[in-house]
PDB file of N, CA and C in Angstrom:
ATOM      1  N   MET A   1     -21.262 -14.266 -19.042  1.00  0.00           N
ATOM      2  CA  MET A   1     -20.202 -15.639 -18.368  1.00  0.00           C
ATOM      3  C   MET A   1     -19.726 -14.113 -17.231  1.00  0.00           C
ATOM      4  N   LYS A   2     -19.929 -14.336 -15.736  1.00  0.00           N
ATOM      5  CA  LYS A   2     -19.701 -13.038 -15.330  1.00  0.00           C
ATOM      6  C   LYS A   2     -17.876 -13.793 -15.059  1.00  0.00           C
ATOM      7  N   ASN A   3     -17.288 -13.118 -14.649  1.00  0.00           N
ATOM      8  CA  ASN A   3     -16.071 -13.480 -14.394  1.00  0.00           C
ATOM      9  C   ASN A   3     -15.422 -13.200 -12.433  1.00  0.00           C
ATOM     10  N   THR A   4     -15.225 -14.156 -12.299  1.00  0.00           N
ATOM     11  CA  THR A   4     -15.329 -14.683 -10.520  1.00  0.00           C
ATOM     12  C   THR A   4     -14.136 -14.397 -10.316  1.00  0.00           C
ATOM     13  N   GLU A   5     -12.954 -14.115 -11.082  1.00  0.00           N
ATOM     14  CA  GLU A   5     -11.420 -15.243 -11.056  1.00  0.00           C
ATOM     15  C   GLU A   5     -11.823 -13.873 -10.003  1.00  0.00           C
ATOM     16  N   ASN A   6     -11.866 -12.014  -9.606  1.00  0.00           N
ATOM     17  CA  ASN A   6     -11.440 -11.896  -9.159  1.00  0.00           C
ATOM     18  C   ASN A   6     -12.593 -11.062  -7.996  1.00  0.00           C
ATOM     19  N   LYS A   7     -13.171 -12.135  -7.635  1.00  0.00           N
ATOM     20  CA  LYS A   7     -14.563 -11.675  -7.016  1.00  0.00           C
ATOM     21  C   LYS A   7     -14.069 -11.453  -5.587  1.00  0.00           C
ATOM     22  N   ASP A   8     -12.715 -11.793  -5.007  1.00  0.00           N
ATOM     23  CA  ASP A   8     -12.031 -10.923  -3.667  1.00  0.00           C
ATOM     24  C   ASP A   8     -11.616  -9.620  -3.781  1.00  0.00           C
ATOM     25  N   LYS A   9     -11.092  -9.182  -4.956  1.00  0.00           N
ATOM     26  CA  LYS A   9     -10.590  -8.020  -5.295  1.00  0.00           C
ATOM     27  C   LYS A   9     -11.307  -6.201  -4.842  1.00  0.00           C
ATOM     28  N   ILE A  10     -11.103  -5.925  -3.999  1.00  0.00           N
ATOM     29  CA  ILE A  10     -11.651  -4.513  -3.725  1.00  0.00           C
ATOM     30  C   ILE A  10     -11.626  -3.814  -4.733  1.00  0.00           C
ATOM     31  N   TYR A  11     -12.930  -2.751  -5.211  1.00  0.00           N
ATOM     32  CA  TYR A  11     -12.791  -2.312  -6.477  1.00  0.00           C
ATOM     33  C   TYR A  11     -13.190  -0.793  -5.477  1.00  0.00           C
ATOM     34  N   ASP A  12     -13.022  -0.323  -4.772  1.00  0.00           N
ATOM     35  CA  ASP A  12     -14.008   0.894  -3.693  1.00  0.00           C
ATOM     36  C   ASP A  12     -11.819   1.031  -3.098  1.00  0.00           C
ATOM     37  N   LEU A  13     -11.809   1.834  -3.534  1.00  0.00           N
ATOM     38  CA  LEU A  13     -10.244   2.290  -3.342  1.00  0.00           C
ATOM     39  C   LEU A  13      -9.778   2.718  -2.041  1.00  0.00           C
ATOM     40  N   GLU A  14     -10.464   3.512  -1.460  1.00  0.00           N
ATOM     41  CA  GLU A  14     -10.574   3.383  -0.211  1.00  0.00           C
ATOM     42  C   GLU A  14     -10.687   2.840   1.222  1.00  0.00           C
ATOM     43  N   GLU A  15     -11.346   1.818   0.496  1.00  0.00           N
ATOM     44  CA  GLU A  15     -11.261   0.793   1.739  1.00  0.00           C
ATOM     45  C   GLU A  15     -10.476  -0.009   1.531  1.00  0.00           C
ATOM     46  N   ARG A  16     -10.087   0.064  -0.037  1.00  0.00           N
ATOM     47  CA  ARG A  16      -8.715  -1.070  -0.469  1.00  0.00           C
ATOM     48  C   ARG A  16      -7.284  -0.801   0.296  1.00  0.00           C
ATOM     49  N   THR A  17      -7.419   0.907   0.350  1.00  0.00           N
ATOM     50  CA  THR A  17      -6.092   1.038   0.556  1.00  0.00           C
ATOM     51  C   THR A  17      -5.768   0.913   2.573  1.00  0.00           C
ATOM     52  N   PHE A  18      -7.317   1.049   2.654  1.00  0.00           N
ATOM     53  CA  PHE A  18      -7.376   0.969   4.202  1.00  0.00           C
ATOM     54  C   PHE A  18      -7.141  -0.106   4.738  1.00  0.00           C
ATOM     55  N   GLN A  19      -7.535  -1.432   3.943  1.00  0.00           N
ATOM     56  CA  GLN A  19      -7.451  -3.019   4.218  1.00  0.00           C
ATOM     57  C   GLN A  19      -5.855  -3.559   3.744  1.00  0.00           C
ATOM     58  N   PHE A  20      -5.522  -2.953   3.064  1.00  0.00           N
ATOM     59  CA  PHE A  20      -4.180  -3.181   2.938  1.00  0.00           C
ATOM     60  C   PHE A  20      -3.235  -2.528   4.666  1.00  0.00           C
ATOM     61  N   ALA A  21      -3.755  -1.307   5.193  1.00  0.00           N
ATOM     62  CA  ALA A  21      -2.591  -0.603   6.025  1.00  0.00           C
ATOM     63  C   ALA A  21      -3.310  -1.651   7.201  1.00  0.00           C
ATOM     64  N   LEU A  22      -3.865  -2.224   7.352  1.00  0.00           N
ATOM     65  CA  LEU A  22      -4.360  -2.832   8.154  1.00  0.00           C
ATOM     66  C   LEU A  22      -3.822  -3.993   8.287  1.00  0.00           C
ATOM     67  N   ARG A  23      -3.598  -4.880   6.805  1.00  0.00           N
ATOM     68  CA  ARG A  23      -2.725  -5.984   6.978  1.00  0.00           C
ATOM     69  C   ARG A  23      -1.718  -5.758   6.975  1.00  0.00           C
ATOM     70  N   VAL A  24      -0.869  -4.807   6.578  1.00  0.00           N
ATOM     71  CA  VAL A  24       0.613  -4.416   7.249  1.00  0.00           C
ATOM     72  C   VAL A  24       0.759  -4.485   8.589  1.00  0.00           C
ATOM     73  N   ARG A  25      -0.282  -4.027   9.304  1.00  0.00           N
ATOM     74  CA  ARG A  25      -0.158  -3.869  10.305  1.00  0.00           C
ATOM     75  C   ARG A  25      -0.240  -4.779  11.446  1.00  0.00           C
ATOM     76  N   LYS A  26      -0.906  -5.628  11.126  1.00  0.00           N
ATOM     77  CA  LYS A  26      -1.053  -7.302  11.524  1.00  0.00           C
ATOM     78  C   LYS A  26       0.158  -8.459  11.163  1.00  0.00           C
ATOM     79  N   PHE A  27       0.956  -7.300  10.694  1.00  0.00           N
ATOM     80  CA  PHE A  27       1.481  -8.711   9.285  1.00  0.00           C
ATOM     81  C   PHE A  27       3.070  -8.014  10.330  1.00  0.00           C
ATOM     82  N   VAL A  28       3.120  -6.922  10.756  1.00  0.00           N
ATOM     83  CA  VAL A  28       4.400  -6.037  11.645  1.00  0.00           C
ATOM     84  C   VAL A  28       4.396  -6.846  12.896  1.00  0.00           C
ATOM     85  N   LYS A  29       2.852  -7.276  13.080  1.00  0.00           N
ATOM     86  CA  LYS A  29       2.926  -7.568  14.796  1.00  0.00           C
ATOM     87  C   LYS A  29       3.994  -9.007  14.578  1.00  0.00           C
ATOM     88  N   LYS A  30       3.855  -9.942  14.024  1.00  0.00           N
ATOM     89  CA  LYS A  30       4.316 -11.133  13.836  1.00  0.00           C
ATOM     90  C   LYS A  30       5.869 -11.021  13.603  1.00  0.00           C
ATOM     91  N   ILE A  31       6.340 -10.455  13.094  1.00  0.00           N
ATOM     92  CA  ILE A  31       7.481 -10.677  12.500  1.00  0.00           C
ATOM     93  C   ILE A  31       8.408 -10.540  13.740  1.00  0.00           C
ATOM     94  N   PRO A  32       9.617 -11.079  13.574  1.00  0.00           N
ATOM     95  CA  PRO A  32      10.858 -10.823  14.546  1.00  0.00           C
ATOM     96  C   PRO A  32      11.145  -9.629  15.123  1.00  0.00           C
ATOM     97  N   LYS A  33      11.692  -9.603  16.064  1.00  0.00           N
ATOM     98  CA  LYS A  33      11.882  -8.152  17.483  1.00  0.00           C
ATOM     99  C   LYS A  33      13.256  -8.291  16.867  1.00  0.00           C
ATOM    100  N   THR A  34      13.999  -7.672  16.174  1.00  0.00           N
ATOM    101  CA  THR A  34      14.956  -6.921  15.835  1.00  0.00           C
ATOM    102  C   THR A  34      15.355  -5.662  15.674  1.00  0.00           C
ATOM    103  N   ILE A  35      16.617  -5.241  15.569  1.00  0.00           N
ATOM    104  CA  ILE A  35      16.766  -3.824  16.025  1.00  0.00           C
ATOM    105  C   ILE A  35      16.099  -3.363  14.391  1.00  0.00           C
ATOM    106  N   ALA A  36      16.443  -4.004  13.366  1.00  0.00           N
ATOM    107  CA  ALA A  36      16.845  -3.317  11.892  1.00  0.00           C
ATOM    108  C   ALA A  36      14.563  -3.441  11.841  1.00  0.00           C
ATOM    109  N   ASN A  37      14.101  -4.890  12.328  1.00  0.00           N
ATOM    110  CA  ASN A  37      12.945  -4.601  11.972  1.00  0.00           C
ATOM    111  C   ASN A  37      11.643  -3.765  12.334  1.00  0.00           C
ATOM    112  N   SER A  38      12.560  -3.850  13.329  1.00  0.00           N
ATOM    113  CA  SER A  38      11.936  -2.243  13.751  1.00  0.00           C
ATOM    114  C   SER A  38      11.960  -0.933  13.504  1.00  0.00           C
ATOM    115  N   GLU A  39      12.695  -0.289  13.095  1.00  0.00           N
ATOM    116  CA  GLU A  39      13.159   0.481  12.365  1.00  0.00           C
ATOM    117  C   GLU A  39      12.832   0.638  11.020  1.00  0.00           C
ATOM    118  N   ASP A  40      12.729  -0.602  10.128  1.00  0.00           N
ATOM    119  CA  ASP A  40      11.869  -0.762   8.668  1.00  0.00           C
ATOM    120  C   ASP A  40      10.572  -0.544   9.419  1.00  0.00           C
ATOM    121  N   SER A  41      10.299  -1.605  10.474  1.00  0.00           N
ATOM    122  CA  SER A  41       8.620  -1.591  10.523  1.00  0.00           C
ATOM    123  C   SER A  41       7.892  -0.295  11.015  1.00  0.00           C
ATOM    124  N   LYS A  42       8.152   0.157  11.369  1.00  0.00           N
ATOM    125  CA  LYS A  42       8.165   1.833  11.764  1.00  0.00           C
ATOM    126  C   LYS A  42       7.473   2.549  10.561  1.00  0.00           C
ATOM    127  N   GLN A  43       8.681   2.660   9.268  1.00  0.00           N
ATOM    128  CA  GLN A  43       8.495   3.446   8.180  1.00  0.00           C
ATOM    129  C   GLN A  43       7.949   2.495   7.516  1.00  0.00           C
ATOM    130  N   LEU A  44       7.618   0.885   7.500  1.00  0.00           N
ATOM    131  CA  LEU A  44       6.671   0.960   6.839  1.00  0.00           C
ATOM    132  C   LEU A  44       5.075   1.098   6.925  1.00  0.00           C
ATOM    133  N   VAL A  45       5.034   1.148   8.389  1.00  0.00           N
ATOM    134  CA  VAL A  45       3.015   1.652   8.821  1.00  0.00           C
ATOM    135  C   VAL A  45       3.035   2.913   8.566  1.00  0.00           C
ATOM    136  N   ARG A  46       4.038   3.869   8.724  1.00  0.00           N
ATOM    137  CA  ARG A  46       3.531   4.813   8.418  1.00  0.00           C
ATOM    138  C   ARG A  46       3.671   5.216   7.086  1.00  0.00           C
ATOM    139  N   ALA A  47       4.124   4.449   6.124  1.00  0.00           N
ATOM    140  CA  ALA A  47       3.716   4.695   4.526  1.00  0.00           C
ATOM    141  C   ALA A  47       2.887   4.076   3.976  1.00  0.00           C
ATOM    142  N   SER A  48       2.641   3.084   4.561  1.00  0.00           N
ATOM    143  CA  SER A  48       1.085   2.238   4.420  1.00  0.00           C
ATOM    144  C   SER A  48       0.139   2.979   4.677  1.00  0.00           C
ATOM    145  N   GLY A  49      -0.296   3.597   5.825  1.00  0.00           N
ATOM    146  CA  GLY A  49      -0.903   4.390   6.175  1.00  0.00           C
ATOM    147  C   GLY A  49      -1.115   5.528   5.529  1.00  0.00           C
ATOM    148  N   SER A  50      -0.467   6.179   5.369  1.00  0.00           N
ATOM    149  CA  SER A  50      -0.241   7.322   4.425  1.00  0.00           C
ATOM    150  C   SER A  50      -0.584   7.597   2.966  1.00  0.00           C
ATOM    151  N   VAL A  51      -0.898   6.104   2.150  1.00  0.00           N
ATOM    152  CA  VAL A  51      -1.534   5.567   1.181  1.00  0.00           C
ATOM    153  C   VAL A  51      -2.971   6.024   0.913  1.00  0.00           C
ATOM    154  N   GLY A  52      -3.244   5.291   1.983  1.00  0.00           N
ATOM    155  CA  GLY A  52      -4.627   5.709   2.436  1.00  0.00           C
ATOM    156  C   GLY A  52      -5.623   6.845   2.504  1.00  0.00           C
ATOM    157  N   SER A  53      -4.311   7.671   3.030  1.00  0.00           N
ATOM    158  CA  SER A  53      -4.898   9.385   3.569  1.00  0.00           C
ATOM    159  C   SER A  53      -4.469   9.909   2.720  1.00  0.00           C
ATOM    160  N   ASN A  54      -3.688   9.828   1.949  1.00  0.00           N
ATOM    161  CA  ASN A  54      -3.277  10.957   0.924  1.00  0.00           C
ATOM    162  C   ASN A  54      -4.116  10.751  -0.162  1.00  0.00           C
ATOM    163  N   TYR A  55      -4.753   9.410  -0.208  1.00  0.00           N
ATOM    164  CA  TYR A  55      -6.204   9.016  -1.487  1.00  0.00           C
ATOM    165  C   TYR A  55      -7.219   9.876  -0.899  1.00  0.00           C
ATOM    166  N   ILE A  56      -7.558   9.691  -0.062  1.00  0.00           N
ATOM    167  CA  ILE A  56      -8.665  10.642   1.098  1.00  0.00           C
ATOM    168  C   ILE A  56      -8.569  11.544   0.729  1.00  0.00           C
ATOM    169  N   GLU A  57      -7.664  12.079   0.999  1.00  0.00           N
ATOM    170  CA  GLU A  57      -7.021  13.834   0.379  1.00  0.00           C
ATOM    171  C   GLU A  57      -7.528  13.976  -0.564  1.00  0.00           C
ATOM    172  N   ALA A  58      -7.023  13.217  -1.447  1.00  0.00           N
ATOM    173  CA  ALA A  58      -7.067  13.731  -2.941  1.00  0.00           C
ATOM    174  C   ALA A  58      -8.568  13.990  -3.619  1.00  0.00           C
ATOM    175  N   ASN A  59      -9.547  13.524  -2.786  1.00  0.00           N
ATOM    176  CA  ASN A  59     -11.012  13.164  -3.320  1.00  0.00           C
ATOM    177  C   ASN A  59     -11.647  14.667  -2.221  1.00  0.00           C
ATOM    178  N   GLU A  60     -10.618  14.926  -1.758  1.00  0.00           N
ATOM    179  CA  GLU A  60     -11.144  16.045  -0.609  1.00  0.00           C
ATOM    180  C   GLU A  60     -10.877  17.278  -1.397  1.00  0.00           C
ATOM    181  N   SER A  61      -9.839  16.928  -2.563  1.00  0.00           N
ATOM    182  CA  SER A  61      -9.204  18.374  -2.529  1.00  0.00           C
ATOM    183  C   SER A  61      -9.486  19.661  -3.377  1.00  0.00           C
ATOM    184  N   LEU A  62      -8.767  20.788  -2.931  1.00  0.00           N
ATOM    185  CA  LEU A  62      -9.265  22.265  -3.989  1.00  0.00           C
ATOM    186  C   LEU A  62      -9.083  22.405  -5.212  1.00  0.00           C
ATOM    187  N   GLY A  63      -8.748  21.530  -6.431  1.00  0.00           N
ATOM    188  CA  GLY A  63      -8.704  20.996  -7.626  1.00  0.00           C
ATOM    189  C   GLY A  63      -7.800  20.388  -8.009  1.00  0.00           C
ATOM    190  N   GLY A  64      -7.379  20.385  -9.640  1.00  0.00           N
ATOM    191  CA  GLY A  64      -7.330  19.701  -9.852  1.00  0.00           C
ATOM    192  C   GLY A  64      -5.499  19.230  -9.607  1.00  0.00           C
ATOM    193  N   LYS A  65      -4.540  20.506  -9.239  1.00  0.00           N
ATOM    194  CA  LYS A  65      -3.179  20.264  -8.899  1.00  0.00           C
ATOM    195  C   LYS A  65      -3.119  19.600  -7.393  1.00  0.00           C
ATOM    196  N   ASP A  66      -3.664  19.809  -6.581  1.00  0.00           N
ATOM    197  CA  ASP A  66      -4.388  19.855  -5.386  1.00  0.00           C
ATOM    198  C   ASP A  66      -4.361  18.046  -5.673  1.00  0.00           C
ATOM    199  N   PHE A  67      -5.507  17.842  -6.244  1.00  0.00           N
ATOM    200  CA  PHE A  67      -5.663  16.277  -6.757  1.00  0.00           C
ATOM    201  C   PHE A  67      -4.483  15.453  -6.896  1.00  0.00           C
ATOM    202  N   GLY A  68      -4.238  15.775  -8.111  1.00  0.00           N
ATOM    203  CA  GLY A  68      -2.791  15.345  -8.512  1.00  0.00           C
ATOM    204  C   GLY A  68      -1.465  15.334  -7.146  1.00  0.00           C
ATOM    205  N   MET A  69      -1.035  16.216  -6.567  1.00  0.00           N
ATOM    206  CA  MET A  69      -0.741  15.996  -5.634  1.00  0.00           C
ATOM    207  C   MET A  69      -0.519  14.592  -5.350  1.00  0.00           C
ATOM    208  N   HIS A  70      -1.997  15.043  -4.052  1.00  0.00           N
ATOM    209  CA  HIS A  70      -1.879  13.513  -3.433  1.00  0.00           C
ATOM    210  C   HIS A  70      -1.946  12.258  -4.054  1.00  0.00           C
ATOM    211  N   ILE A  71      -2.549  12.363  -5.027  1.00  0.00           N
ATOM    212  CA  ILE A  71      -2.283  11.182  -5.958  1.00  0.00           C
ATOM    213  C   ILE A  71      -1.068  10.598  -6.105  1.00  0.00           C
ATOM    214  N   LYS A  72       0.070  12.072  -6.295  1.00  0.00           N
ATOM    215  CA  LYS A  72       1.416  11.239  -6.412  1.00  0.00           C
ATOM    216  C   LYS A  72       2.071  11.120  -5.396  1.00  0.00           C
ATOM    217  N   ILE A  73       1.297  11.584  -4.302  1.00  0.00           N
ATOM    218  CA  ILE A  73       2.056  11.491  -2.742  1.00  0.00           C
ATOM    219  C   ILE A  73       1.181   9.100  -2.352  1.00  0.00           C
ATOM    220  N   SER A  74       0.335   9.874  -2.879  1.00  0.00           N
ATOM    221  CA  SER A  74      -0.347   7.807  -2.756  1.00  0.00           C
ATOM    222  C   SER A  74       0.573   7.402  -3.349  1.00  0.00           C
ATOM    223  N   ARG A  75       1.475   7.557  -4.664  1.00  0.00           N
ATOM    224  CA  ARG A  75       1.864   6.537  -5.251  1.00  0.00           C
ATOM    225  C   ARG A  75       2.596   6.126  -4.791  1.00  0.00           C
ATOM    226  N   LYS A  76       3.826   7.361  -4.261  1.00  0.00           N
ATOM    227  CA  LYS A  76       4.834   7.199  -3.766  1.00  0.00           C
ATOM    228  C   LYS A  76       5.075   6.605  -2.384  1.00  0.00           C
ATOM    229  N   GLU A  77       4.399   6.802  -1.510  1.00  0.00           N
ATOM    230  CA  GLU A  77       3.913   6.214  -0.314  1.00  0.00           C
ATOM    231  C   GLU A  77       3.702   4.306  -0.652  1.00  0.00           C
ATOM    232  N   SER A  78       3.127   4.433  -1.551  1.00  0.00           N
ATOM    233  CA  SER A  78       3.116   2.504  -2.105  1.00  0.00           C
ATOM    234  C   SER A  78       4.545   2.081  -2.379  1.00  0.00           C
ATOM    235  N   LYS A  79       5.127   3.325  -2.795  1.00  0.00           N
ATOM    236  CA  LYS A  79       6.598   2.498  -3.571  1.00  0.00           C
ATOM    237  C   LYS A  79       7.338   2.546  -2.109  1.00  0.00           C
ATOM    238  N   GLU A  80       7.180   3.182  -1.494  1.00  0.00           N
ATOM    239  CA  GLU A  80       7.725   2.639   0.024  1.00  0.00           C
ATOM    240  C   GLU A  80       7.430   2.196   0.917  1.00  0.00           C
ATOM    241  N   SER A  81       6.222   1.721   0.664  1.00  0.00           N
ATOM    242  CA  SER A  81       5.972   0.709   1.463  1.00  0.00           C
ATOM    243  C   SER A  81       6.639  -0.936   1.004  1.00  0.00           C
ATOM    244  N   ARG A  82       6.459  -0.671  -0.417  1.00  0.00           N
ATOM    245  CA  ARG A  82       7.053  -2.105  -0.889  1.00  0.00           C
ATOM    246  C   ARG A  82       8.794  -1.993  -0.852  1.00  0.00           C
ATOM    247  N   PHE A  83       8.844  -0.837  -0.993  1.00  0.00           N
ATOM    248  CA  PHE A  83      10.598  -0.931  -0.492  1.00  0.00           C
ATOM    249  C   PHE A  83      10.780  -1.511   0.936  1.00  0.00           C
ATOM    250  N   PHE A  84      10.146  -1.371   2.091  1.00  0.00           N
ATOM    251  CA  PHE A  84      10.297  -1.337   3.202  1.00  0.00           C
ATOM    252  C   PHE A  84      10.048  -2.946   3.330  1.00  0.00           C
ATOM    253  N   LEU A  85       8.879  -3.250   2.826  1.00  0.00           N
ATOM    254  CA  LEU A  85       8.249  -4.788   2.641  1.00  0.00           C
ATOM    255  C   LEU A  85       9.725  -5.842   2.538  1.00  0.00           C
ATOM    256  N   ARG A  86       9.762  -5.283   1.416  1.00  0.00           N
ATOM    257  CA  ARG A  86      11.223  -5.792   0.765  1.00  0.00           C
ATOM    258  C   ARG A  86      12.811  -6.067   2.072  1.00  0.00           C
ATOM    259  N   LEU A  87      12.514  -5.331   2.623  1.00  0.00           N
ATOM    260  CA  LEU A  87      13.691  -5.284   3.687  1.00  0.00           C
ATOM    261  C   LEU A  87      13.423  -5.740   5.126  1.00  0.00           C
ATOM    262  N   VAL A  88      12.197  -5.865   5.456  1.00  0.00           N
ATOM    263  CA  VAL A  88      11.577  -6.393   6.106  1.00  0.00           C
ATOM    264  C   VAL A  88      12.482  -8.332   6.500  1.00  0.00           C
ATOM    265  N   ASP A  89      12.677  -8.554   7.967  1.00  0.00           N
ATOM    266  CA  ASP A  89      13.033 -10.061   7.538  1.00  0.00           C
ATOM    267  C   ASP A  89      12.241 -10.843   8.542  1.00  0.00           C
ATOM    268  N   THR A  90      11.698 -11.651   7.795  1.00  0.00           N
ATOM    269  CA  THR A  90      10.265 -12.906   7.893  1.00  0.00           C
ATOM    270  C   THR A  90      10.806 -13.754   9.554  1.00  0.00           C
ATOM    271  N   GLY A  91      12.835 -14.147   9.393  1.00  0.00           N
ATOM    272  CA  GLY A  91      13.151 -14.987  10.175  1.00  0.00           C
ATOM    273  C   GLY A  91      12.582 -16.586   9.661  1.00  0.00           C
ATOM    274  N   ASP A  92      12.987 -16.522   8.329  1.00  0.00           N
ATOM    275  CA  ASP A  92      12.514 -17.754   6.959  1.00  0.00           C
ATOM    276  C   ASP A  92      11.500 -18.571   7.254  1.00  0.00           C
ATOM    277  N   ASP A  93      10.386 -17.808   8.188  1.00  0.00           N
ATOM    278  CA  ASP A  93       9.011 -18.284   8.450  1.00  0.00           C
ATOM    279  C   ASP A  93       8.217 -18.034   7.048  1.00  0.00           C
ATOM    280  N   GLY A  94       7.829 -19.529   6.432  1.00  0.00           N
ATOM    281  CA  GLY A  94       7.240 -19.803   5.536  1.00  0.00           C
ATOM    282  C   GLY A  94       5.609 -19.042   4.726  1.00  0.00           C
ATOM    283  N   ILE A  95       5.193 -18.577   6.173  1.00  0.00           N
ATOM    284  CA  ILE A  95       4.023 -17.897   6.573  1.00  0.00           C
ATOM    285  C   ILE A  95       4.402 -16.552   6.067  1.00  0.00           C
ATOM    286  N   LEU A  96       5.266 -16.072   7.437  1.00  0.00           N
ATOM    287  CA  LEU A  96       5.075 -14.990   7.026  1.00  0.00           C
ATOM    288  C   LEU A  96       5.281 -14.319   5.453  1.00  0.00           C
ATOM    289  N   GLU A  97       6.895 -14.880   5.462  1.00  0.00           N
ATOM    290  CA  GLU A  97       7.066 -14.928   3.563  1.00  0.00           C
ATOM    291  C   GLU A  97       6.281 -15.076   2.612  1.00  0.00           C
ATOM    292  N   LYS A  98       5.024 -15.528   3.276  1.00  0.00           N
ATOM    293  CA  LYS A  98       4.042 -15.778   1.809  1.00  0.00           C
ATOM    294  C   LYS A  98       3.224 -14.074   1.723  1.00  0.00           C
ATOM    295  N   GLU A  99       2.856 -14.241   3.535  1.00  0.00           N
ATOM    296  CA  GLU A  99       2.252 -12.588   3.629  1.00  0.00           C
ATOM    297  C   GLU A  99       3.141 -11.467   3.075  1.00  0.00           C
ATOM    298  N   LYS A 100       4.338 -11.191   3.558  1.00  0.00           N
ATOM    299  CA  LYS A 100       5.118 -10.251   2.656  1.00  0.00           C
ATOM    300  C   LYS A 100       5.101 -10.287   1.167  1.00  0.00           C
ATOM    301  N   THR A 101       4.833 -11.591   0.707  1.00  0.00           N
ATOM    302  CA  THR A 101       4.971 -11.408  -0.534  1.00  0.00           C
ATOM    303  C   THR A 101       3.519 -11.019  -1.590  1.00  0.00           C
ATOM    304  N   ILE A 102       2.817 -10.982  -0.483  1.00  0.00           N
ATOM    305  CA  ILE A 102       1.444 -10.894  -1.030  1.00  0.00           C
ATOM    306  C   ILE A 102       1.089  -9.296  -0.910  1.00  0.00           C
ATOM    307  N   LEU A 103       1.778  -9.112   0.538  1.00  0.00           N
ATOM    308  CA  LEU A 103       1.214  -7.217   0.628  1.00  0.00           C
ATOM    309  C   LEU A 103       2.539  -6.258  -0.642  1.00  0.00           C
ATOM    310  N   ILE A 104       3.531  -6.958  -0.679  1.00  0.00           N
ATOM    311  CA  ILE A 104       4.647  -6.805  -1.862  1.00  0.00           C
ATOM    312  C   ILE A 104       3.692  -6.354  -2.917  1.00  0.00           C
ATOM    313  N   GLN A 105       3.316  -7.573  -3.536  1.00  0.00           N
ATOM    314  CA  GLN A 105       2.322  -7.211  -5.076  1.00  0.00           C
ATOM    315  C   GLN A 105       1.082  -6.138  -4.905  1.00  0.00           C
ATOM    316  N   GLU A 106       0.267  -6.299  -3.400  1.00  0.00           N
ATOM    317  CA  GLU A 106      -1.079  -5.285  -3.310  1.00  0.00           C
ATOM    318  C   GLU A 106       0.179  -3.782  -3.098  1.00  0.00           C
ATOM    319  N   ALA A 107       1.313  -3.538  -2.885  1.00  0.00           N
ATOM    320  CA  ALA A 107       2.314  -2.029  -2.668  1.00  0.00           C
ATOM    321  C   ALA A 107       2.170  -1.793  -4.897  1.00  0.00           C
ATOM    322  N   THR A 108       2.721  -2.984  -5.311  1.00  0.00           N
ATOM    323  CA  THR A 108       2.912  -2.956  -6.360  1.00  0.00           C
ATOM    324  C   THR A 108       1.856  -2.655  -7.156  1.00  0.00           C
ATOM    325  N   GLU A 109       0.637  -3.350  -7.049  1.00  0.00           N
ATOM    326  CA  GLU A 109      -0.765  -3.005  -7.228  1.00  0.00           C
ATOM    327  C   GLU A 109      -1.154  -1.947  -7.384  1.00  0.00           C
ATOM    328  N   LEU A 110      -1.271  -1.251  -5.575  1.00  0.00           N
ATOM    329  CA  LEU A 110      -1.987   0.285  -5.536  1.00  0.00           C
ATOM    330  C   LEU A 110      -0.475   1.310  -6.400  1.00  0.00           C
ATOM    331  N   MET A 111       0.380   0.743  -6.675  1.00  0.00           N
ATOM    332  CA  MET A 111       1.918   1.815  -7.210  1.00  0.00           C
ATOM    333  C   MET A 111       1.346   2.238  -8.948  1.00  0.00           C
ATOM    334  N   LEU A 112       0.663   0.854  -9.280  1.00  0.00           N
ATOM    335  CA  LEU A 112       0.063   1.143 -10.811  1.00  0.00           C
ATOM    336  C   LEU A 112      -1.274   1.763 -10.782  1.00  0.00           C
ATOM    337  N   ILE A 113      -1.670   1.391 -10.012  1.00  0.00           N
ATOM    338  CA  ILE A 113      -2.723   2.173  -9.694  1.00  0.00           C
ATOM    339  C   ILE A 113      -3.202   3.882  -9.486  1.00  0.00           C
ATOM    340  N   PHE A 114      -2.370   4.472  -8.689  1.00  0.00           N
ATOM    341  CA  PHE A 114      -2.354   5.154  -8.878  1.00  0.00           C
ATOM    342  C   PHE A 114      -1.694   6.280  -9.793  1.00  0.00           C
ATOM    343  N   GLY A 115      -0.834   5.463 -10.270  1.00  0.00           N
ATOM    344  CA  GLY A 115       0.065   5.594 -11.437  1.00  0.00           C
ATOM    345  C   GLY A 115      -1.340   6.145 -12.798  1.00  0.00           C
ATOM    346  N   SER A 116      -1.825   5.014 -12.840  1.00  0.00           N
ATOM    347  CA  SER A 116      -2.979   5.087 -14.231  1.00  0.00           C
ATOM    348  C   SER A 116      -3.589   6.474 -13.876  1.00  0.00           C
ATOM    349  N   ILE A 117      -4.223   7.042 -12.778  1.00  0.00           N
ATOM    350  CA  ILE A 117      -5.041   7.910 -11.997  1.00  0.00           C
ATOM    351  C   ILE A 117      -4.739   8.922 -12.814  1.00  0.00           C
ATOM    352  N   LEU A 118      -3.260   9.305 -12.414  1.00  0.00           N
ATOM    353  CA  LEU A 118      -2.721  10.548 -12.287  1.00  0.00           C
ATOM    354  C   LEU A 118      -2.426  10.640 -13.904  1.00  0.00           C
ATOM    355  N   ARG A 119      -2.144   9.920 -14.917  1.00  0.00           N
ATOM    356  CA  ARG A 119      -2.111   9.484 -16.046  1.00  0.00           C
ATOM    357  C   ARG A 119      -3.440  10.391 -16.904  1.00  0.00           C
ATOM    358  N   LYS A 120      -4.247   9.373 -16.538  1.00  0.00           N
ATOM    359  CA  LYS A 120      -5.627  10.523 -17.078  1.00  0.00           C
ATOM    360  C   LYS A 120      -6.391  11.238 -16.523  1.00  0.00           C
ATOM    361  N   SER A 121      -6.071  11.818 -15.147  1.00  0.00           N
ATOM    362  CA  SER A 121      -6.062  12.869 -14.680  1.00  0.00           C
ATOM    363  C   SER A 121      -5.370  14.449 -15.539  1.00  0.00           C
ATOM    364  N   ASN A 122      -4.176  13.872 -16.087  1.00  0.00           N
ATOM    365  CA  ASN A 122      -3.588  15.121 -16.774  1.00  0.00           C
ATOM    366  C   ASN A 122      -4.077  14.845 -17.882  1.00  0.00           C
ATOM    367  N   GLY A 123      -4.313  13.975 -18.622  1.00  0.00           N
ATOM    368  CA  GLY A 123      -4.595  14.168 -19.807  1.00  0.00           C
ATOM    369  C   GLY A 123      -5.855  13.549 -20.558  1.00  0.00           C
TER     370      GLY A 123
END
């Protein structure tokens, strides 16, 4: 019996991190334009893009230490993305709040995935 529960999950991590960054950008376009959101959004956009770009760098690494460093950065940028997502104000818009929750969950999952990769690559 096939497990269809996670059929929408993307298992290609390069594509998954790309989709995360893309989804963050679409989310940022919809949030209220406040001074705080403007500053937090800039950080969020940078961090979300850095998750995937560092993963790509890890896959093109020059060796074990280089690989580990880029995976650590991907994990760190996932954490940073989650932090700025939590700060962003949705203006009590229920749809935006739901999207924010989904993005926070995805950032958390990516953080855990990169932590697991790191543990497995060191041991």
